[in-house]
Protein backbone atom coordinates (compact mmCIF):
# COMPACT_ATOMS: atom_id res chain seq x y z
CA MET A 1 -7.28 32.34 9.59
CA LEU A 2 -10.31 33.68 11.44
CA PRO A 3 -11.72 31.77 14.44
CA ILE A 4 -14.83 30.75 12.47
CA GLU A 5 -12.58 29.34 9.71
CA LEU A 6 -10.57 27.41 12.28
CA LEU A 7 -13.79 26.03 13.79
CA ARG A 8 -15.01 24.99 10.33
CA HIS A 9 -11.69 23.32 9.51
CA THR A 10 -11.63 21.47 12.83
CA ALA A 11 -15.26 20.32 12.64
CA LEU A 12 -14.71 19.01 9.11
CA CYS A 13 -11.55 17.18 10.18
CA PHE A 14 -13.32 15.45 13.07
CA GLU A 15 -16.33 14.56 10.95
CA ARG A 16 -14.21 13.13 8.12
CA ALA A 17 -12.28 11.05 10.66
CA GLY A 18 -15.50 9.81 12.28
CA ILE A 19 -14.61 11.34 15.66
CA PRO A 20 -17.57 12.15 17.92
CA TYR A 21 -17.07 15.71 19.24
CA PHE A 22 -18.75 18.85 20.46
CA VAL A 23 -17.72 22.47 20.84
CA THR A 24 -17.95 23.83 24.38
CA GLY A 25 -16.39 26.64 26.42
CA ALA A 26 -16.44 30.28 25.36
CA VAL A 27 -17.38 29.58 21.73
CA ALA A 28 -20.46 27.59 22.80
CA GLY A 29 -21.19 30.27 25.40
CA ILE A 30 -21.20 32.87 22.62
CA VAL A 31 -23.59 30.74 20.53
CA TYR A 32 -26.09 30.49 23.40
CA GLY A 33 -25.33 33.76 25.16
CA GLU A 34 -23.58 37.06 24.66
CA PRO A 35 -20.54 37.74 22.50
CA ARG A 36 -17.06 38.15 23.96
CA MET A 37 -13.50 37.80 22.74
CA THR A 38 -11.71 34.47 22.91
CA ASN A 39 -8.59 33.14 21.21
CA ASP A 40 -9.29 29.47 21.71
CA ILE A 41 -11.83 26.87 20.71
CA ASP A 42 -12.64 24.22 23.33
CA ILE A 43 -13.67 20.85 21.94
CA VAL A 44 -14.47 17.59 23.67
CA ALA A 45 -13.57 14.78 21.26
CA ASP A 46 -13.74 11.03 21.71
CA ILE A 47 -10.46 10.45 19.88
CA LYS A 48 -9.02 6.95 19.72
CA ASP A 49 -5.46 5.93 18.80
CA GLU A 50 -6.61 4.93 15.33
CA HIS A 51 -7.79 8.51 14.64
CA LEU A 52 -4.47 10.20 15.38
CA ALA A 53 -2.67 9.69 12.05
CA LEU A 54 -5.62 11.01 10.04
CA LEU A 55 -6.05 13.90 12.44
CA LYS A 56 -2.36 14.80 12.14
CA GLN A 57 -2.72 14.88 8.33
CA CYS A 58 -5.67 17.23 8.64
CA PHE A 59 -3.53 19.76 10.54
CA PRO A 60 -0.41 20.01 8.33
CA GLU A 61 2.89 21.00 9.90
CA GLU A 62 3.33 24.06 7.65
CA ASP A 63 0.14 25.61 9.07
CA PHE A 64 -0.38 24.07 12.51
CA TYR A 65 1.47 22.98 15.60
CA PHE A 66 0.20 19.46 16.37
CA ASP A 67 2.33 17.35 18.70
CA LEU A 68 1.40 13.75 17.94
CA ASP A 69 3.09 12.46 21.11
CA MET A 70 1.11 14.87 23.30
CA ALA A 71 -2.10 13.92 21.50
CA SER A 72 -1.38 10.21 21.97
CA ARG A 73 -0.64 10.74 25.68
CA ALA A 74 -3.89 12.69 26.08
CA VAL A 75 -5.85 9.87 24.44
CA ARG A 76 -4.24 7.32 26.79
CA THR A 77 -4.71 9.39 29.96
CA LYS A 78 -8.09 10.94 29.08
CA SER A 79 -6.65 14.44 29.41
CA GLN A 80 -6.17 17.23 26.87
CA PHE A 81 -3.84 18.59 24.20
CA ASN A 82 -3.66 21.64 21.95
CA ILE A 83 -3.53 22.32 18.26
CA ILE A 84 -2.18 25.79 17.48
CA HIS A 85 -2.46 27.90 14.35
CA PRO A 86 0.72 30.01 14.86
CA SER A 87 0.12 32.62 12.16
CA SER A 88 -3.18 33.69 13.76
CA GLY A 89 -2.37 32.83 17.37
CA PHE A 90 -5.59 30.85 17.71
CA LYS A 91 -5.60 27.60 19.63
CA ILE A 92 -7.83 24.55 19.77
CA ASP A 93 -8.00 22.87 23.18
CA ILE A 94 -8.97 19.23 22.71
CA MET A 95 -10.31 17.46 25.80
CA ILE A 96 -10.63 13.68 25.79
CA PRO A 97 -13.72 12.58 27.75
CA ASP A 98 -13.47 10.08 30.58
CA ARG A 99 -16.81 8.60 29.46
CA GLY A 100 -18.29 8.80 32.95
CA PRO A 101 -22.03 9.46 33.39
CA PHE A 102 -21.77 13.22 32.89
CA ASP A 103 -19.63 12.91 29.75
CA ARG A 104 -22.02 10.31 28.34
CA SER A 105 -24.91 12.66 29.00
CA ARG A 106 -23.11 15.56 27.33
CA PHE A 107 -22.51 13.49 24.19
CA GLU A 108 -26.15 12.38 24.11
CA ARG A 109 -27.35 16.00 24.40
CA ARG A 110 -25.03 17.62 21.86
CA ARG A 111 -26.68 19.60 19.08
CA ARG A 112 -25.96 20.38 15.45
CA ILE A 113 -25.96 24.13 15.02
CA GLU A 114 -25.63 26.21 11.87
CA SER A 115 -22.62 28.46 12.31
CA GLY A 116 -23.89 31.35 10.25
CA ALA A 117 -20.86 30.85 8.02
CA GLY A 118 -22.27 28.08 5.84
CA PHE A 119 -21.49 24.99 7.93
CA GLU A 120 -22.87 23.07 10.88
CA ALA A 121 -20.95 21.79 13.89
CA SER A 122 -21.80 19.81 17.01
CA PHE A 123 -22.14 21.89 20.18
CA ALA A 124 -22.65 21.03 23.82
CA SER A 125 -26.15 21.81 25.07
CA PRO A 126 -26.48 25.18 26.84
CA GLU A 127 -27.12 23.39 30.14
CA ASP A 128 -23.89 21.40 29.79
CA VAL A 129 -21.94 24.56 28.92
CA ILE A 130 -23.32 26.16 32.09
CA LEU A 131 -22.42 23.13 34.22
CA LYS A 132 -18.83 23.01 32.92
CA LYS A 133 -18.45 26.75 33.42
CA MET A 134 -19.60 26.30 37.02
CA GLU A 135 -16.92 23.61 37.45
CA PHE A 136 -14.28 25.94 36.00
CA TYR A 137 -15.51 28.75 38.26
CA ARG A 138 -15.19 26.44 41.29
CA GLU A 139 -11.60 25.64 40.29
CA GLY A 140 -10.36 29.15 39.60
CA ARG A 141 -13.04 31.62 40.73
CA SER A 142 -12.76 33.52 37.43
CA GLU A 143 -15.73 35.86 37.04
CA LYS A 144 -15.66 35.42 33.25
CA HIS A 145 -17.37 32.05 33.78
CA ILE A 146 -20.15 33.66 35.81
CA ARG A 147 -20.57 36.38 33.15
CA ASP A 148 -20.76 33.69 30.44
CA ILE A 149 -23.33 31.71 32.41
CA LEU A 150 -25.49 34.77 33.05
CA GLY A 151 -25.23 35.67 29.35
CA ILE A 152 -26.48 32.21 28.38
CA LEU A 153 -29.33 32.44 30.89
CA ILE A 154 -30.33 35.92 29.70
CA VAL A 155 -30.28 35.04 25.99
CA SER A 156 -31.38 31.38 26.07
CA GLY A 157 -33.08 31.21 29.46
CA GLU A 158 -36.53 30.26 28.22
CA SER A 159 -35.16 27.16 26.49
CA ILE A 160 -32.96 26.03 29.40
CA ASP A 161 -33.89 22.70 31.00
CA VAL A 162 -33.62 23.85 34.61
CA ASP A 163 -34.48 20.40 36.00
CA TYR A 164 -31.56 18.84 34.11
CA LEU A 165 -29.28 21.68 35.22
CA GLN A 166 -30.25 21.30 38.89
CA LYS A 167 -29.94 17.51 38.80
CA TRP A 168 -26.36 17.66 37.50
CA ALA A 169 -25.48 20.67 39.69
CA ASN A 170 -26.44 18.50 42.65
CA ASP A 171 -24.60 15.40 41.33
CA LEU A 172 -21.45 17.42 40.54
CA ASP A 173 -21.52 19.23 43.90
CA LEU A 174 -22.17 22.58 42.22
CA MET A 175 -25.50 23.41 43.86
CA ASP A 176 -24.12 26.28 45.97
CA ILE A 177 -22.74 27.96 42.84
CA TRP A 178 -25.95 27.29 40.89
CA ILE A 179 -28.11 28.83 43.64
CA LYS A 180 -26.01 32.04 43.63
CA ILE A 181 -26.17 32.26 39.84
CA ARG A 182 -29.89 31.42 39.71
CA ASP A 183 -30.62 34.13 42.28
CA ARG A 184 -28.73 36.72 40.19
CA TRP A 185 -30.54 35.55 37.03
CA ILE A 186 -34.02 35.69 38.53
CA LYS A 187 -33.65 39.22 39.95
C-alpha cells in the first residue's frame, strides 16, 4: 500500500464513521510546501468511544495493527495511538484533541483538499501546520520542522494569514521561534 492509498483509506474510514478529522504534520506540510519523505500520516481526529468498534472494523486485523485498548485509552486521556500497516511499514498517528481554544480553532479552519489521486480529505490550515511544527521544534529542536515551515512559507506564503499566525504564536508562547523563522523567510 502506498502512502496516498493509506491516506485515502483512512479518510474514507473516518468520514464513513462520522469522525471529524484533519491531516496535519509532514503530509500537510508537503501539500502546502515542499516534498520530503515521510513514513507516517499524522491525523487529529475527534474520536469518541462509540466510534471505536466501527473504526476497528475499517482496519482489519489481517492488514493492520490496531490495538483497540490503546485507542480506547487515547480517547479517554486525550492522547494518541497508532494504526500500522505492517506490510508497507507505514503508520498513522492518531491524535485526540483536547478541545481547548487552539484545537477548536484548528477544526474550524480545516480545509477539504483534492489529493491529486481522485479523492478529497480534510487538512489543517497551513497556518495551523506551521504553529504545530513550531511547537514540535520547541520540544525537540529538530531542524526538519524548521525546513518544513520554511517550505510552506516559500510555496504558500502569499496565502498565509500572518495575523492569525502571530496571534497564536503569541498565545502559545512561540513568538521567539516565529520571529526567527519569519526573519529567515523574509530575507
